[in-house]
Amino acid sequence: MKTTLLIMAAGIGSRYGGGIKQLAAVGPNGEIIMDYSIHDAIKAGFNKIVFIIRKDIEADFREVIGDRIEKICAAHDVEVAYVFQSLSAIPKGQTVPEGRTKPWGTGQAVLAAKDVINEPFAVINADDYYGKEAFSKIHDFLVSDVKSNGFCMAGFVLKNTLSDNGGVTRGICKMDENGYLTDIVETHEIVKTADGAESKGIKIDTDSLVSMNMWGLAPEYMAMLETGFVEFFKTADANPLKAEYLLPIHIGQLLGEDKVSVKVLSTSDKWFGVTYQEDKDFVIESFKKLIDDGVYNSDLFSDL
């Protein structure tokens, strides 16, 4: 069965270097976080990779990432495709507001792939490390339990997602007794404390499950996303230069209207991300430990 990993990488800058967090070398041979996600996806059974990028970075992206990944994927019968997020890709009858320079958010990014995805798919951020377990659980769901309106998401334990270097924003999941998502509470400035974590002085349960924007979706979701984008533009005028069509907000709206269900698949893996420049050394050490513990080979793709 065909299953796709959709990687949101349009936020990568056109100038490569140490300042671009998605391209920070974190593995022993210069691997970036995206390499580990692609490895884990292929290992879990995904057989198609789609990169969402911007047209202006296509040449650089292919040179630095795409060409290398395409060779690895070709060796394992995994298809690779590219789609482009564009500021001007908006519903008919709408115009780009004067002065607007950035695209319209993660919902629009995923929508850019509507013509190349006809199978169940997972969505991830390019610069986040999710761990093997989440890919396996989402893939298993996609090939057995996904429905046209029945989706899933990876739920990470909050304490496994915090930074030692400052506050973070996390979407804390509320679920029913069967583990289905009822709400995501966006919680800002969550910081580590001596006995756990807090947000603006309020203690937070560090065993809570949080969303790190890793979703398992049916191809039918694209039509819902397209309809939602039209609705989004009815209110975008209120903030035309900064309004964003965000994937978790749209899924939350569908949940609130009882149009979809989302099963929360808990994972005990530690999430890594380079939120702060100081996080990079921690991420490098974390990957070194994963290799030392035998989770990955130092030659990353050699076990596929």
Protein backbone atom coordinates (compact mmCIF):
# COMPACT_ATOMS: atom_id res chain seq x y z
CA MET A 1 0.00 0.00 0.00
CA LYS A 2 1.29 3.45 -0.91
CA THR A 3 1.84 5.82 2.03
CA THR A 4 3.43 9.24 1.79
CA LEU A 5 5.59 11.29 4.13
CA LEU A 6 4.92 14.98 3.46
CA ILE A 7 7.75 17.20 4.74
CA MET A 8 7.09 20.89 5.29
CA ALA A 9 10.40 22.50 4.28
CA ALA A 10 9.26 25.76 2.69
CA GLY A 11 10.59 27.71 5.67
CA ILE A 12 14.18 26.89 4.75
CA GLY A 13 16.05 30.03 3.69
CA SER A 14 17.68 30.46 0.31
CA ARG A 15 21.13 31.08 1.81
CA TYR A 16 22.51 27.88 3.29
CA GLY A 17 24.81 27.96 6.27
CA GLY A 18 25.01 27.83 10.04
CA GLY A 19 22.12 30.25 10.44
CA ILE A 20 19.58 27.93 8.79
CA LYS A 21 18.40 25.67 11.60
CA GLN A 22 16.88 23.02 9.30
CA LEU A 23 20.33 22.45 7.79
CA ALA A 24 22.42 22.31 10.94
CA ALA A 25 24.63 19.20 10.82
CA VAL A 26 23.69 17.02 13.78
CA GLY A 27 24.96 13.56 12.78
CA PRO A 28 28.51 12.17 12.63
CA ASN A 29 28.68 12.44 8.83
CA GLY A 30 26.97 15.80 8.52
CA GLU A 31 23.42 14.40 8.60
CA ILE A 32 20.66 16.91 9.22
CA ILE A 33 17.51 16.22 11.25
CA MET A 34 15.53 15.59 8.04
CA ASP A 35 17.80 12.65 7.19
CA TYR A 36 16.76 10.86 10.38
CA SER A 37 13.06 11.49 9.72
CA ILE A 38 13.34 10.10 6.19
CA HIS A 39 15.29 7.08 7.47
CA ASP A 40 12.66 6.38 10.13
CA ALA A 41 9.80 6.81 7.66
CA ILE A 42 11.29 4.37 5.14
CA LYS A 43 12.05 1.92 7.95
CA ALA A 44 8.42 2.18 9.11
CA GLY A 45 7.12 1.40 5.60
CA PHE A 46 6.48 4.76 3.95
CA ASN A 47 7.26 4.47 0.24
CA LYS A 48 6.82 8.01 -1.03
CA ILE A 49 8.45 11.25 0.13
CA VAL A 50 7.06 14.66 -0.86
CA PHE A 51 9.01 17.82 -0.07
CA ILE A 52 7.11 21.10 0.25
CA ILE A 53 9.56 23.87 -0.65
CA ARG A 54 9.56 27.28 -2.33
CA LYS A 55 10.40 27.65 -6.00
CA ASP A 56 13.20 30.12 -5.26
CA ILE A 57 15.13 27.55 -3.20
CA GLU A 58 14.55 24.54 -5.48
CA ALA A 59 18.04 24.46 -7.04
CA ASP A 60 19.81 24.86 -3.70
CA PHE A 61 17.51 22.38 -1.98
CA ARG A 62 18.11 19.71 -4.61
CA GLU A 63 21.86 20.27 -4.44
CA VAL A 64 22.13 20.14 -0.66
CA ILE A 65 19.36 17.64 0.18
CA GLY A 66 17.18 16.42 -2.67
CA ASP A 67 19.69 14.80 -5.02
CA ARG A 68 21.29 12.85 -2.18
CA ILE A 69 17.95 11.71 -0.76
CA GLU A 70 16.65 10.79 -4.22
CA LYS A 71 19.55 8.34 -4.68
CA ILE A 72 18.88 6.73 -1.31
CA CYS A 73 15.15 6.51 -2.02
CA ALA A 74 15.69 5.08 -5.51
CA ALA A 75 17.76 2.28 -3.98
CA HIS A 76 14.81 1.34 -1.76
CA ASP A 77 11.98 1.80 -4.29
CA VAL A 78 10.74 4.98 -2.61
CA GLU A 79 9.22 7.68 -4.81
CA VAL A 80 10.27 11.34 -4.36
CA ALA A 81 8.29 14.41 -5.42
CA TYR A 82 8.47 18.16 -4.94
CA VAL A 83 5.67 20.69 -4.55
CA PHE A 84 5.91 24.43 -4.07
CA GLN A 85 4.29 26.71 -1.55
CA SER A 86 3.61 30.10 -3.10
CA LEU A 87 2.24 33.37 -1.77
CA SER A 88 0.06 33.66 -4.86
CA ALA A 89 -1.58 30.21 -4.58
CA ILE A 90 -4.87 31.46 -3.14
CA PRO A 91 -8.57 30.80 -3.81
CA LYS A 92 -10.14 32.14 -7.00
CA GLY A 93 -11.41 35.68 -6.67
CA GLN A 94 -8.88 36.60 -3.97
CA THR A 95 -5.87 38.86 -4.37
CA VAL A 96 -2.59 38.98 -2.48
CA PRO A 97 -2.71 41.95 -0.08
CA GLU A 98 -0.29 44.73 -0.92
CA GLY A 99 2.82 44.40 1.25
CA ARG A 100 2.30 40.70 2.03
CA THR A 101 5.60 38.81 1.56
CA LYS A 102 5.23 35.46 3.36
CA PRO A 103 3.08 32.48 2.34
CA TRP A 104 -0.09 31.58 4.23
CA GLY A 105 1.03 29.00 6.81
CA THR A 106 1.13 25.24 7.27
CA GLY A 107 -2.41 24.65 6.01
CA GLN A 108 -1.57 26.28 2.69
CA ALA A 109 1.75 24.37 2.63
CA VAL A 110 0.00 21.00 2.84
CA LEU A 111 -2.58 22.11 0.27
CA ALA A 112 0.28 22.63 -2.21
CA ALA A 113 0.55 18.82 -2.38
CA LYS A 114 -3.09 18.15 -3.32
CA ASP A 115 -2.26 17.14 -6.90
CA VAL A 116 0.43 14.61 -5.95
CA ILE A 117 -1.19 12.85 -2.99
CA ASN A 118 -3.86 10.21 -3.56
CA GLU A 119 -2.97 7.97 -0.63
CA PRO A 120 -2.88 8.18 3.20
CA PHE A 121 -0.08 10.49 4.32
CA ALA A 122 1.83 11.78 7.32
CA VAL A 123 2.83 15.42 7.75
CA ILE A 124 5.94 16.57 9.63
CA ASN A 125 8.10 19.67 10.07
CA ALA A 126 11.48 19.53 8.33
CA ASP A 127 13.41 20.67 11.40
CA ASP A 128 11.93 18.39 14.07
CA TYR A 129 13.17 14.96 15.17
CA TYR A 130 10.25 12.70 16.10
CA GLY A 131 11.78 9.28 16.79
CA LYS A 132 11.15 5.84 15.30
CA GLU A 133 8.10 4.93 17.36
CA ALA A 134 5.92 7.77 16.09
CA PHE A 135 6.59 6.91 12.43
CA SER A 136 5.79 3.23 13.03
CA LYS A 137 2.57 3.98 14.90
CA ILE A 138 1.34 6.49 12.33
CA HIS A 139 2.22 4.21 9.42
CA ASP A 140 0.39 1.29 11.05
CA PHE A 141 -2.65 3.51 11.55
CA LEU A 142 -2.58 4.73 7.95
CA VAL A 143 -2.54 1.22 6.49
CA SER A 144 -5.19 -0.21 8.81
CA ASP A 145 -7.38 2.35 10.60
CA VAL A 146 -7.43 5.58 8.59
CA LYS A 147 -10.83 6.64 7.25
CA SER A 148 -11.95 9.49 5.01
CA ASN A 149 -12.72 11.50 8.17
CA GLY A 150 -10.76 9.48 10.75
CA PHE A 151 -7.19 10.69 11.27
CA CYS A 152 -4.40 10.40 13.83
CA MET A 153 -1.60 12.43 15.38
CA ALA A 154 1.51 11.63 17.39
CA GLY A 155 1.23 12.65 21.03
CA PHE A 156 4.57 13.41 22.69
CA VAL A 157 5.08 13.47 26.46
CA LEU A 158 5.58 17.14 27.36
CA LYS A 159 8.72 16.54 29.44
CA ASN A 160 10.32 14.92 26.38
CA THR A 161 9.88 18.10 24.32
CA LEU A 162 11.16 20.89 26.60
CA SER A 163 14.27 22.99 26.03
CA ASP A 164 16.95 23.73 28.62
CA ASN A 165 17.50 27.09 26.94
CA GLY A 166 14.20 28.91 27.27
CA GLY A 167 10.44 28.81 27.13
CA VAL A 168 8.54 26.94 24.42
CA THR A 169 4.98 26.90 23.10
CA ARG A 170 3.21 23.55 23.06
CA GLY A 171 -0.25 22.39 22.08
CA ILE A 172 -1.44 20.31 25.06
CA CYS A 173 -3.88 17.59 24.00
CA LYS A 174 -7.24 17.02 25.62
CA MET A 175 -8.66 13.55 24.93
CA ASP A 176 -11.73 11.45 25.65
CA GLU A 177 -11.62 8.11 27.46
CA ASN A 178 -10.84 6.29 24.19
CA GLY A 179 -7.80 8.40 23.36
CA TYR A 180 -9.47 10.57 20.72
CA LEU A 181 -8.55 14.23 20.55
CA THR A 182 -11.16 16.68 21.83
CA ASP A 183 -9.07 19.87 21.92
CA ILE A 184 -5.54 21.26 21.67
CA VAL A 185 -4.76 23.98 24.21
CA GLU A 186 -1.98 26.23 22.89
CA THR A 187 0.20 26.95 25.94
CA HIS A 188 2.96 29.57 25.77
CA GLU A 189 6.25 30.09 27.61
CA ILE A 190 6.49 26.61 29.13
CA VAL A 191 9.78 26.47 31.05
CA LYS A 192 11.52 23.73 32.99
CA THR A 193 11.51 24.02 36.77
CA ALA A 194 13.24 22.08 39.54
CA ASP A 195 10.20 19.81 39.92
CA GLY A 196 8.66 19.87 36.45
CA ALA A 197 7.45 22.75 34.31
CA GLU A 198 5.32 25.85 34.44
CA SER A 199 3.74 28.41 32.13
CA LYS A 200 3.57 32.00 33.37
CA GLY A 201 3.76 30.81 36.97
CA ILE A 202 1.15 28.05 36.57
CA LYS A 203 2.33 24.47 37.11
CA ILE A 204 2.01 22.21 34.05
CA ASP A 205 1.69 18.41 34.13
CA THR A 206 4.87 17.23 32.38
CA ASP A 207 3.25 13.87 31.57
CA SER A 208 0.65 15.61 29.38
CA LEU A 209 0.65 14.66 25.71
CA VAL A 210 1.42 17.47 23.29
CA SER A 211 1.15 17.92 19.53
CA MET A 212 4.39 18.52 17.63
CA ASN A 213 2.63 18.88 14.28
CA MET A 214 2.96 15.23 13.24
CA TRP A 215 -0.32 14.11 11.67
CA GLY A 216 -1.63 11.04 9.88
CA LEU A 217 -4.30 12.01 7.34
CA ALA A 218 -6.46 10.54 4.61
CA PRO A 219 -6.25 11.87 1.03
CA GLU A 220 -9.84 13.10 1.44
CA TYR A 221 -8.53 15.67 3.91
CA MET A 222 -7.19 17.73 1.00
CA ALA A 223 -10.74 18.64 -0.09
CA MET A 224 -11.56 19.71 3.48
CA LEU A 225 -8.36 21.77 3.58
CA GLU A 226 -9.24 23.46 0.29
CA THR A 227 -12.73 24.35 1.54
CA GLY A 228 -11.22 25.67 4.77
CA PHE A 229 -8.80 27.87 2.84
CA VAL A 230 -11.73 29.60 1.13
CA GLU A 231 -13.34 30.14 4.55
CA PHE A 232 -10.05 31.44 5.96
CA PHE A 233 -9.98 34.25 3.42
CA LYS A 234 -13.32 35.54 4.69
CA THR A 235 -11.55 36.60 7.90
CA ALA A 236 -7.98 37.12 6.65
CA ASP A 237 -8.76 40.75 5.82
CA ALA A 238 -8.61 41.53 9.54
CA ASN A 239 -4.86 40.96 9.50
CA PRO A 240 -3.88 40.81 5.81
CA LEU A 241 -0.10 40.94 6.23
CA LYS A 242 0.23 38.30 8.95
CA ALA A 243 -2.87 36.06 8.94
CA GLU A 244 -1.92 32.36 8.63
CA TYR A 245 -3.92 29.30 7.68
CA LEU A 246 -2.56 26.78 10.18
CA LEU A 247 -2.97 23.02 10.01
CA PRO A 248 -3.72 22.38 13.73
CA ILE A 249 -6.22 25.26 13.84
CA HIS A 250 -8.09 23.89 10.83
CA ILE A 251 -8.15 20.33 12.21
CA GLY A 252 -9.34 21.78 15.53
CA GLN A 253 -12.20 23.54 13.75
CA LEU A 254 -13.23 20.29 12.04
CA LEU A 255 -13.11 18.52 15.41
CA GLY A 256 -15.31 21.18 16.96
CA GLU A 257 -17.85 20.66 14.19
CA ASP A 258 -17.73 16.84 14.64
CA LYS A 259 -16.63 16.42 11.04
CA VAL A 260 -13.50 14.37 11.82
CA SER A 261 -11.97 12.24 14.56
CA VAL A 262 -8.29 12.24 15.52
CA LYS A 263 -6.76 9.31 17.41
CA VAL A 264 -3.84 10.37 19.62
CA LEU A 265 -0.98 7.85 19.30
CA SER A 266 1.29 8.32 22.30
CA THR A 267 5.04 7.98 21.86
CA SER A 268 7.70 7.85 24.54
CA ASP A 269 10.50 8.96 22.20
CA LYS A 270 12.25 12.22 22.93
CA TRP A 271 11.52 15.03 20.50
CA PHE A 272 14.44 17.22 19.40
CA GLY A 273 14.32 20.57 17.71
CA VAL A 274 16.65 23.49 17.30
CA THR A 275 14.42 26.18 18.80
CA TYR A 276 17.38 28.11 20.19
CA GLN A 277 20.93 28.32 18.83
CA GLU A 278 22.07 26.80 22.15
CA ASP A 279 19.92 23.73 21.46
CA LYS A 280 22.21 22.59 18.63
CA ASP A 281 24.92 21.13 20.90
CA PHE A 282 22.28 19.23 22.89
CA VAL A 283 20.78 17.81 19.69
CA ILE A 284 24.21 16.72 18.43
CA GLU A 285 24.91 14.99 21.76
CA SER A 286 21.47 13.37 21.70
CA PHE A 287 22.07 11.86 18.26
CA LYS A 288 25.52 10.69 19.36
CA LYS A 289 23.90 8.88 22.29
CA LEU A 290 21.27 7.30 20.02
CA ILE A 291 24.08 5.99 17.82
CA ASP A 292 26.10 4.79 20.82
CA ASP A 293 22.97 3.01 22.10
CA GLY A 294 22.51 1.26 18.76
CA VAL A 295 19.29 3.05 17.78
CA TYR A 296 20.99 4.24 14.57
CA ASN A 297 24.04 3.16 12.64
CA SER A 298 26.75 5.80 12.23
CA ASP A 299 26.26 5.16 8.51
CA LEU A 300 22.61 6.12 8.84
CA PHE A 301 20.92 4.44 5.87
CA SER A 302 23.02 1.25 5.89
CA ASP A 303 20.34 -0.74 7.79
CA LEU A 304 17.52 -0.22 5.29
